N, C-alpha and C. Protein backbone atom coordinates (compact mmCIF):
# COMPACT_ATOMS: atom_id res chain seq x y z
N MET A 1 169.88 -6.21 107.90
CA MET A 1 168.88 -6.95 107.55
C MET A 1 169.44 -8.54 107.71
N SER A 2 168.70 -9.48 108.12
CA SER A 2 169.07 -10.94 107.95
C SER A 2 168.66 -11.62 106.70
N LYS A 3 169.41 -12.47 106.43
CA LYS A 3 169.35 -13.24 105.22
C LYS A 3 167.92 -14.25 105.18
N LYS A 4 167.15 -14.16 104.46
CA LYS A 4 165.95 -15.33 104.53
C LYS A 4 165.94 -15.76 103.16
N ASP A 5 166.51 -16.94 103.05
CA ASP A 5 166.59 -17.70 101.89
C ASP A 5 165.02 -18.03 101.77
N PHE A 6 164.59 -18.71 100.33
CA PHE A 6 163.41 -19.42 99.95
C PHE A 6 163.85 -20.94 99.77
N HIS A 7 162.77 -21.77 100.29
CA HIS A 7 162.69 -23.12 100.48
C HIS A 7 161.48 -23.53 99.71
N VAL A 8 162.15 -24.54 98.76
CA VAL A 8 160.96 -24.92 97.96
C VAL A 8 160.64 -26.32 98.45
N THR A 9 159.48 -26.61 99.20
CA THR A 9 159.09 -27.94 99.64
C THR A 9 157.78 -28.26 99.29
N ARG A 10 157.51 -29.51 99.45
CA ARG A 10 156.04 -30.28 98.95
C ARG A 10 155.27 -30.01 100.34
N ARG A 11 153.96 -29.43 99.84
CA ARG A 11 152.97 -29.26 100.97
C ARG A 11 151.83 -30.83 101.11
N PRO A 12 151.18 -30.49 102.28
CA PRO A 12 150.52 -31.86 102.46
C PRO A 12 149.77 -32.05 101.36
N ASP A 13 148.99 -31.05 100.71
CA ASP A 13 148.01 -31.25 99.66
C ASP A 13 148.71 -31.80 98.17
N GLY A 14 149.99 -31.86 98.38
CA GLY A 14 150.48 -32.34 97.04
C GLY A 14 151.17 -31.38 96.21
N ASP A 15 150.83 -29.87 96.51
CA ASP A 15 151.44 -28.85 95.69
C ASP A 15 152.95 -28.42 96.18
N TRP A 16 153.53 -27.65 95.71
CA TRP A 16 154.70 -27.33 96.02
C TRP A 16 155.13 -25.64 96.42
N GLN A 17 155.68 -25.48 97.44
CA GLN A 17 155.75 -24.26 97.62
C GLN A 17 157.30 -23.56 97.80
N ALA A 18 157.15 -22.09 97.86
CA ALA A 18 158.42 -21.45 97.86
C ALA A 18 158.16 -20.36 99.16
N LYS A 19 158.96 -20.86 100.00
CA LYS A 19 158.76 -20.16 101.42
C LYS A 19 159.64 -19.72 102.01
N ARG A 20 160.06 -18.24 102.74
CA ARG A 20 160.85 -17.68 103.14
C ARG A 20 161.01 -18.38 104.54
N GLU A 21 162.69 -18.37 104.73
CA GLU A 21 162.94 -18.82 106.05
C GLU A 21 162.03 -18.20 107.24
N LYS A 22 161.36 -19.09 108.19
CA LYS A 22 160.85 -18.41 109.30
C LYS A 22 159.49 -17.80 109.04
N ALA A 23 159.00 -17.71 107.64
CA ALA A 23 157.77 -17.25 107.50
C ALA A 23 156.50 -18.22 107.59
N ASP A 24 155.34 -17.57 107.94
CA ASP A 24 154.22 -18.41 108.31
C ASP A 24 153.30 -18.67 107.16
N ARG A 25 153.52 -18.10 106.09
CA ARG A 25 152.76 -18.50 104.93
C ARG A 25 153.95 -18.26 103.55
N ALA A 26 153.36 -19.34 102.44
CA ALA A 26 154.28 -19.48 101.59
C ALA A 26 154.22 -17.95 100.55
N SER A 27 155.58 -17.84 100.03
CA SER A 27 155.27 -17.05 98.76
C SER A 27 154.58 -17.16 97.47
N PHE A 28 155.15 -18.42 97.26
CA PHE A 28 154.38 -18.91 95.91
C PHE A 28 154.13 -20.29 96.40
N VAL A 29 152.80 -20.71 95.77
CA VAL A 29 152.41 -22.14 95.56
C VAL A 29 152.05 -22.67 94.08
N ARG A 30 152.74 -23.50 93.72
CA ARG A 30 152.66 -24.24 92.47
C ARG A 30 152.29 -25.55 92.47
N HIS A 31 151.82 -25.96 91.14
CA HIS A 31 151.50 -27.56 91.10
C HIS A 31 153.00 -28.33 91.09
N THR A 32 153.80 -27.71 90.42
CA THR A 32 155.26 -28.71 90.11
C THR A 32 156.44 -28.13 91.15
N GLN A 33 157.31 -28.84 91.27
CA GLN A 33 158.46 -28.19 92.15
C GLN A 33 159.35 -27.08 91.34
N THR A 34 159.42 -27.41 90.05
CA THR A 34 160.14 -26.47 89.03
C THR A 34 159.56 -25.41 88.77
N ASP A 35 158.02 -25.31 88.99
CA ASP A 35 157.23 -23.86 88.69
C ASP A 35 157.60 -23.41 90.10
N ALA A 36 157.36 -23.87 91.25
CA ALA A 36 157.87 -23.16 92.69
C ALA A 36 158.93 -22.47 92.61
N HIS A 37 160.20 -23.21 92.39
CA HIS A 37 161.34 -22.92 91.95
C HIS A 37 161.65 -21.75 91.21
N ASP A 38 161.08 -21.85 89.71
CA ASP A 38 161.06 -20.63 88.85
C ASP A 38 160.40 -19.37 89.42
N ALA A 39 159.46 -19.39 90.07
CA ALA A 39 158.63 -18.57 90.56
C ALA A 39 159.33 -17.75 91.83
N ALA A 40 160.06 -18.25 92.38
CA ALA A 40 161.05 -17.51 93.46
C ALA A 40 162.40 -16.86 92.71
N ILE A 41 162.67 -17.25 91.93
CA ILE A 41 163.91 -16.63 91.25
C ILE A 41 163.70 -15.14 91.09
N PRO A 42 162.50 -14.28 90.51
CA PRO A 42 162.96 -13.07 90.48
C PRO A 42 163.07 -12.47 91.99
N ALA A 43 162.17 -12.70 93.15
CA ALA A 43 162.63 -12.24 94.31
C ALA A 43 163.92 -12.60 94.91
N ALA A 44 164.27 -14.00 94.65
CA ALA A 44 165.86 -14.19 95.21
C ALA A 44 166.92 -13.28 94.64
N LYS A 45 166.78 -13.13 93.34
CA LYS A 45 167.79 -12.17 92.66
C LYS A 45 167.65 -10.76 93.07
N ARG A 46 166.43 -10.45 93.49
CA ARG A 46 166.25 -9.03 93.85
C ARG A 46 166.80 -8.71 95.19
N ASP A 47 166.82 -9.66 96.39
CA ASP A 47 166.60 -9.73 97.69
C ASP A 47 168.06 -10.52 97.55
N ARG A 48 168.85 -10.89 96.78
CA ARG A 48 170.22 -11.70 96.82
C ARG A 48 170.11 -12.95 97.73
N VAL A 49 169.25 -13.74 97.84
CA VAL A 49 169.23 -14.66 98.79
C VAL A 49 169.60 -16.03 97.65
N GLU A 50 169.46 -17.40 98.41
CA GLU A 50 169.40 -18.38 97.84
C GLU A 50 167.81 -19.15 97.77
N ILE A 51 168.00 -20.32 96.84
CA ILE A 51 166.73 -20.73 96.85
C ILE A 51 167.34 -22.27 96.99
N VAL A 52 166.74 -23.01 98.20
CA VAL A 52 167.18 -24.39 98.50
C VAL A 52 165.86 -25.11 98.25
N THR A 53 166.09 -25.81 97.58
CA THR A 53 165.00 -27.04 96.89
C THR A 53 165.31 -28.24 97.65
N HIS A 54 164.06 -28.91 98.18
CA HIS A 54 164.13 -30.20 99.26
C HIS A 54 163.48 -31.09 98.24
N ARG A 55 163.71 -32.61 98.81
CA ARG A 55 163.26 -33.65 98.27
C ARG A 55 161.84 -33.86 98.84
N PRO A 56 160.86 -34.37 97.89
CA PRO A 56 159.69 -34.71 98.43
C PRO A 56 159.72 -35.29 100.11
N THR A 57 160.39 -36.01 100.46
CA THR A 57 160.51 -36.60 101.91
C THR A 57 161.38 -35.55 102.42
N GLY A 58 161.82 -34.25 102.21
CA GLY A 58 162.42 -33.44 103.10
C GLY A 58 163.92 -32.94 103.05
N PRO A 59 164.71 -33.93 102.70
CA PRO A 59 166.08 -33.48 102.79
C PRO A 59 166.19 -32.42 101.56
N ILE A 60 167.74 -31.79 101.80
CA ILE A 60 167.93 -30.65 100.50
C ILE A 60 168.49 -31.71 99.57
N ARG A 61 167.95 -31.24 98.19
CA ARG A 61 168.51 -31.57 97.01
C ARG A 61 169.29 -30.78 96.35
N ASP A 62 169.33 -29.43 96.42
CA ASP A 62 169.97 -28.80 95.66
C ASP A 62 169.90 -27.19 96.32
N SER A 63 170.60 -26.17 95.98
CA SER A 63 170.36 -24.94 96.24
C SER A 63 171.33 -24.06 95.21
N ASP A 64 170.71 -22.82 94.92
CA ASP A 64 171.23 -21.83 93.78
C ASP A 64 171.19 -20.55 94.80
N SER A 65 172.36 -20.09 94.36
CA SER A 65 172.89 -18.86 94.99
C SER A 65 172.56 -17.35 94.23
N TYR A 66 171.63 -16.60 94.61
CA TYR A 66 171.51 -15.42 93.55
C TYR A 66 171.98 -13.96 94.34
N GLY A 67 172.85 -14.34 95.25
CA GLY A 67 173.71 -13.18 95.93
C GLY A 67 174.92 -13.10 95.47
N ASN A 68 175.53 -12.18 96.27
CA ASN A 68 177.05 -11.94 95.90
C ASN A 68 177.74 -13.09 96.82
N ASP A 69 178.09 -14.51 96.17
CA ASP A 69 178.78 -15.56 96.69
C ASP A 69 180.06 -15.24 96.74
N PRO A 70 180.94 -15.18 97.84
CA PRO A 70 182.40 -14.81 97.82
C PRO A 70 182.94 -16.30 97.07
N ASN A 71 182.40 -17.59 97.57
CA ASN A 71 182.82 -18.53 97.03
C ASN A 71 181.90 -19.41 95.96
N PRO A 72 181.94 -18.63 94.79
CA PRO A 72 180.90 -19.39 93.65
C PRO A 72 181.17 -20.82 93.30
N PRO A 73 180.34 -21.64 92.86
CA PRO A 73 180.29 -22.89 92.64
C PRO A 73 181.01 -23.17 91.39
N LYS A 74 181.91 -24.02 91.44
CA LYS A 74 182.56 -24.29 90.02
C LYS A 74 181.78 -25.38 89.04
N ASP A 75 180.50 -25.59 89.58
CA ASP A 75 179.89 -26.48 88.67
C ASP A 75 179.32 -26.05 87.31
N THR A 76 178.75 -26.54 86.36
CA THR A 76 178.33 -26.25 85.04
C THR A 76 177.30 -26.51 84.65
N LYS A 77 176.11 -26.55 85.61
CA LYS A 77 174.45 -26.73 85.85
C LYS A 77 173.61 -25.77 85.17
N HIS A 78 174.42 -24.42 85.40
CA HIS A 78 173.75 -23.07 85.09
C HIS A 78 174.44 -22.50 84.20
């Protein structure tokens, strides 16, 4: 099975979506970026993938790994 991370991006209508890589439709659509990210967490944990959060303009802002990361980050944000 190939890894299909979630990407949290802004939609043209202003809402935020959590969408799997190469998917046609969003898995979750919420009014805020935080809500879209939080909605994707249970699925990311279940499938052991990452959630990649983008800025409203598109560049990656952050990523959170919910799988078996062989090199876990040493940050203290979580």
